Amino acid sequence: MIKRILGVIFIIISFIFCLGFLQQLTEIIGAFTSDSFGYLIGYTIGSFISLVIALIFFKLGLKLLKNTPKDLEVIDQIEEN
């Protein structure tokens, strides 16, 4: 039960990170028109790091939500599951 709650929390956090990345996308595109190249590189790398963190949280959340099959010792236990 705790795994499922943590999985849902991680997926919600990943969606928040993705929304933050989508919000910054217009600023990244606008930074290409500016003259400061250092600002552009830093802003772009920081935005993509947040996107990678969101993907990691999403995969971790899905992993925690996935049902794991129970190990069966005897063939008669198949009917019980």
N, C-alpha and C. Protein backbone atom coordinates (compact mmCIF):
# COMPACT_ATOMS: atom_id res chain seq x y z
N MET A 1 0.82 -1.19 0.00
CA MET A 1 0.00 0.00 0.00
C MET A 1 0.86 1.26 0.00
N ILE A 2 1.93 1.24 0.78
CA ILE A 2 2.81 2.40 0.84
C ILE A 2 3.52 2.60 -0.50
N LYS A 3 3.84 1.47 -1.17
CA LYS A 3 4.48 1.57 -2.49
C LYS A 3 3.57 2.28 -3.48
N ARG A 4 2.31 1.97 -3.45
CA ARG A 4 1.38 2.60 -4.38
C ARG A 4 1.22 4.10 -4.09
N ILE A 5 1.19 4.45 -2.83
CA ILE A 5 1.08 5.87 -2.48
C ILE A 5 2.33 6.62 -2.93
N LEU A 6 3.50 6.03 -2.68
CA LEU A 6 4.73 6.67 -3.14
C LEU A 6 4.78 6.75 -4.66
N GLY A 7 4.28 5.72 -5.35
CA GLY A 7 4.24 5.75 -6.80
C GLY A 7 3.40 6.89 -7.33
N VAL A 8 2.24 7.09 -6.72
CA VAL A 8 1.35 8.19 -7.13
C VAL A 8 2.01 9.54 -6.84
N ILE A 9 2.67 9.65 -5.69
CA ILE A 9 3.35 10.90 -5.34
C ILE A 9 4.47 11.21 -6.33
N PHE A 10 5.25 10.18 -6.70
CA PHE A 10 6.33 10.40 -7.67
C PHE A 10 5.79 10.81 -9.04
N ILE A 11 4.68 10.22 -9.44
CA ILE A 11 4.09 10.60 -10.73
C ILE A 11 3.57 12.03 -10.70
N ILE A 12 2.98 12.43 -9.59
CA ILE A 12 2.49 13.82 -9.47
C ILE A 12 3.67 14.79 -9.49
N ILE A 13 4.76 14.45 -8.80
CA ILE A 13 5.95 15.31 -8.82
C ILE A 13 6.52 15.40 -10.23
N SER A 14 6.51 14.29 -10.96
CA SER A 14 7.04 14.31 -12.33
C SER A 14 6.18 15.19 -13.23
N PHE A 15 4.86 15.17 -13.04
CA PHE A 15 4.00 16.04 -13.83
C PHE A 15 4.27 17.51 -13.51
N ILE A 16 4.54 17.81 -12.26
CA ILE A 16 4.86 19.19 -11.89
C ILE A 16 6.16 19.64 -12.56
N PHE A 17 7.17 18.76 -12.55
CA PHE A 17 8.42 19.08 -13.23
C PHE A 17 8.21 19.26 -14.74
N CYS A 18 7.36 18.42 -15.34
CA CYS A 18 7.10 18.55 -16.78
C CYS A 18 6.37 19.85 -17.10
N LEU A 19 5.44 20.22 -16.26
CA LEU A 19 4.76 21.50 -16.47
C LEU A 19 5.72 22.67 -16.34
N GLY A 20 6.66 22.56 -15.40
CA GLY A 20 7.68 23.60 -15.27
C GLY A 20 8.57 23.67 -16.50
N PHE A 21 8.90 22.52 -17.06
CA PHE A 21 9.71 22.51 -18.28
C PHE A 21 8.94 23.12 -19.45
N LEU A 22 7.66 22.77 -19.57
CA LEU A 22 6.87 23.34 -20.66
C LEU A 22 6.72 24.85 -20.51
N GLN A 23 6.66 25.32 -19.28
CA GLN A 23 6.57 26.76 -19.05
C GLN A 23 7.87 27.45 -19.45
N GLN A 24 9.00 26.79 -19.22
CA GLN A 24 10.29 27.38 -19.55
C GLN A 24 10.64 27.24 -21.03
N LEU A 25 9.90 26.45 -21.77
CA LEU A 25 10.22 26.19 -23.17
C LEU A 25 10.18 27.47 -24.00
N THR A 26 9.22 28.33 -23.74
CA THR A 26 9.15 29.58 -24.49
C THR A 26 10.34 30.48 -24.17
N GLU A 27 10.78 30.46 -22.93
CA GLU A 27 11.94 31.27 -22.56
C GLU A 27 13.23 30.72 -23.18
N ILE A 28 13.31 29.40 -23.31
CA ILE A 28 14.48 28.80 -23.96
C ILE A 28 14.53 29.21 -25.42
N ILE A 29 13.40 29.15 -26.08
CA ILE A 29 13.36 29.54 -27.50
C ILE A 29 13.66 31.04 -27.63
N GLY A 30 13.14 31.83 -26.71
CA GLY A 30 13.42 33.26 -26.74
C GLY A 30 14.87 33.59 -26.43
N ALA A 31 15.53 32.74 -25.66
CA ALA A 31 16.93 32.98 -25.32
C ALA A 31 17.85 32.81 -26.52
N PHE A 32 17.42 32.07 -27.52
CA PHE A 32 18.23 31.90 -28.73
C PHE A 32 18.36 33.21 -29.50
N THR A 33 17.42 34.11 -29.33
CA THR A 33 17.49 35.39 -30.03
C THR A 33 18.32 36.42 -29.26
N SER A 34 18.66 36.13 -28.00
CA SER A 34 19.44 37.08 -27.21
C SER A 34 20.92 36.94 -27.54
N ASP A 35 21.71 37.90 -27.09
CA ASP A 35 23.14 37.93 -27.38
C ASP A 35 23.97 37.17 -26.35
N SER A 36 23.43 36.91 -25.19
CA SER A 36 24.22 36.26 -24.14
C SER A 36 24.18 34.74 -24.31
N PHE A 37 25.27 34.20 -24.81
CA PHE A 37 25.35 32.77 -25.09
C PHE A 37 25.48 31.97 -23.80
N GLY A 38 26.18 32.49 -22.81
CA GLY A 38 26.34 31.79 -21.55
C GLY A 38 25.02 31.59 -20.83
N TYR A 39 24.20 32.62 -20.87
CA TYR A 39 22.86 32.51 -20.27
C TYR A 39 22.05 31.45 -20.97
N LEU A 40 22.15 31.40 -22.28
CA LEU A 40 21.40 30.43 -23.07
C LEU A 40 21.80 29.00 -22.71
N ILE A 41 23.10 28.75 -22.64
CA ILE A 41 23.58 27.40 -22.33
C ILE A 41 23.14 26.99 -20.91
N GLY A 42 23.32 27.87 -19.96
CA GLY A 42 22.95 27.56 -18.57
C GLY A 42 21.46 27.31 -18.41
N TYR A 43 20.68 28.15 -19.03
CA TYR A 43 19.22 28.01 -18.92
C TYR A 43 18.74 26.73 -19.60
N THR A 44 19.30 26.42 -20.75
CA THR A 44 18.91 25.21 -21.48
C THR A 44 19.31 23.96 -20.73
N ILE A 45 20.52 23.90 -20.21
CA ILE A 45 20.98 22.73 -19.47
C ILE A 45 20.16 22.55 -18.20
N GLY A 46 19.87 23.62 -17.50
CA GLY A 46 19.05 23.53 -16.29
C GLY A 46 17.65 23.04 -16.59
N SER A 47 17.09 23.48 -17.70
CA SER A 47 15.75 23.03 -18.07
C SER A 47 15.73 21.55 -18.43
N PHE A 48 16.75 21.11 -19.15
CA PHE A 48 16.78 19.70 -19.52
C PHE A 48 17.10 18.80 -18.33
N ILE A 49 17.83 19.30 -17.37
CA ILE A 49 18.06 18.53 -16.14
C ILE A 49 16.75 18.33 -15.40
N SER A 50 15.91 19.35 -15.35
CA SER A 50 14.61 19.20 -14.70
C SER A 50 13.73 18.21 -15.47
N LEU A 51 13.87 18.17 -16.79
CA LEU A 51 13.12 17.20 -17.58
C LEU A 51 13.60 15.77 -17.31
N VAL A 52 14.91 15.58 -17.17
CA VAL A 52 15.46 14.26 -16.86
C VAL A 52 15.00 13.81 -15.48
N ILE A 53 14.99 14.71 -14.51
CA ILE A 53 14.51 14.38 -13.17
C ILE A 53 13.04 13.97 -13.23
N ALA A 54 12.25 14.66 -14.04
CA ALA A 54 10.84 14.30 -14.19
C ALA A 54 10.69 12.91 -14.78
N LEU A 55 11.49 12.57 -15.77
CA LEU A 55 11.42 11.24 -16.36
C LEU A 55 11.82 10.15 -15.37
N ILE A 56 12.84 10.43 -14.56
CA ILE A 56 13.27 9.46 -13.55
C ILE A 56 12.16 9.25 -12.51
N PHE A 57 11.54 10.34 -12.06
CA PHE A 57 10.45 10.21 -11.09
C PHE A 57 9.26 9.46 -11.69
N PHE A 58 8.97 9.71 -12.97
CA PHE A 58 7.85 9.04 -13.60
C PHE A 58 8.11 7.53 -13.72
N LYS A 59 9.31 7.16 -14.14
CA LYS A 59 9.64 5.73 -14.24
C LYS A 59 9.63 5.06 -12.86
N LEU A 60 10.13 5.76 -11.85
CA LEU A 60 10.11 5.21 -10.51
C LEU A 60 8.68 5.05 -10.00
N GLY A 61 7.84 6.02 -10.29
CA GLY A 61 6.43 5.93 -9.89
C GLY A 61 5.73 4.77 -10.57
N LEU A 62 5.99 4.57 -11.87
CA LEU A 62 5.39 3.43 -12.57
C LEU A 62 5.90 2.11 -12.02
N LYS A 63 7.18 2.07 -11.67
CA LYS A 63 7.75 0.84 -11.12
C LYS A 63 7.11 0.51 -9.78
N LEU A 64 6.84 1.52 -8.97
CA LEU A 64 6.21 1.28 -7.68
C LEU A 64 4.73 0.91 -7.80
N LEU A 65 4.08 1.36 -8.86
CA LEU A 65 2.67 1.05 -9.05
C LEU A 65 2.44 -0.32 -9.69
N LYS A 66 3.45 -0.85 -10.33
CA LYS A 66 3.29 -2.11 -11.05
C LYS A 66 3.07 -3.26 -10.07
N ASN A 67 2.14 -4.13 -10.41
CA ASN A 67 1.88 -5.31 -9.59
C ASN A 67 2.98 -6.33 -9.81
N THR A 68 3.51 -6.84 -8.73
CA THR A 68 4.53 -7.88 -8.84
C THR A 68 3.86 -9.23 -8.61
N PRO A 69 4.14 -10.20 -9.46
CA PRO A 69 3.52 -11.52 -9.26
C PRO A 69 4.09 -12.21 -8.03
N LYS A 70 3.24 -12.95 -7.37
CA LYS A 70 3.67 -13.68 -6.18
C LYS A 70 4.38 -14.95 -6.62
N ASP A 71 5.40 -15.33 -5.89
CA ASP A 71 6.10 -16.57 -6.18
C ASP A 71 5.27 -17.75 -5.71
N LEU A 72 5.12 -18.71 -6.58
CA LEU A 72 4.33 -19.89 -6.26
C LEU A 72 5.27 -21.05 -5.99
N GLU A 73 5.01 -21.74 -4.90
CA GLU A 73 5.84 -22.90 -4.55
C GLU A 73 5.24 -24.19 -5.08
N VAL A 74 3.94 -24.26 -5.11
CA VAL A 74 3.24 -25.49 -5.51
C VAL A 74 2.25 -25.13 -6.61
N ILE A 75 2.02 -26.03 -7.51
CA ILE A 75 1.09 -25.80 -8.61
C ILE A 75 -0.34 -25.59 -8.12
N ASP A 76 -0.68 -26.10 -6.94
CA ASP A 76 -2.02 -25.95 -6.40
C ASP A 76 -2.31 -24.51 -5.96
N GLN A 77 -1.29 -23.71 -5.78
CA GLN A 77 -1.49 -22.33 -5.33
C GLN A 77 -1.93 -21.41 -6.48
N ILE A 78 -1.92 -21.91 -7.69
CA ILE A 78 -2.31 -21.07 -8.83
C ILE A 78 -3.79 -20.67 -8.70
N GLU A 79 -4.63 -21.55 -8.26
CA GLU A 79 -6.04 -21.24 -8.12
C GLU A 79 -6.30 -20.20 -7.05
N GLU A 80 -5.43 -20.12 -6.04
CA GLU A 80 -5.61 -19.16 -4.94
C GLU A 80 -5.30 -17.74 -5.39
N ASN A 81 -4.40 -17.58 -6.35
CA ASN A 81 -4.03 -16.23 -6.79
C ASN A 81 -4.96 -15.86 -7.90
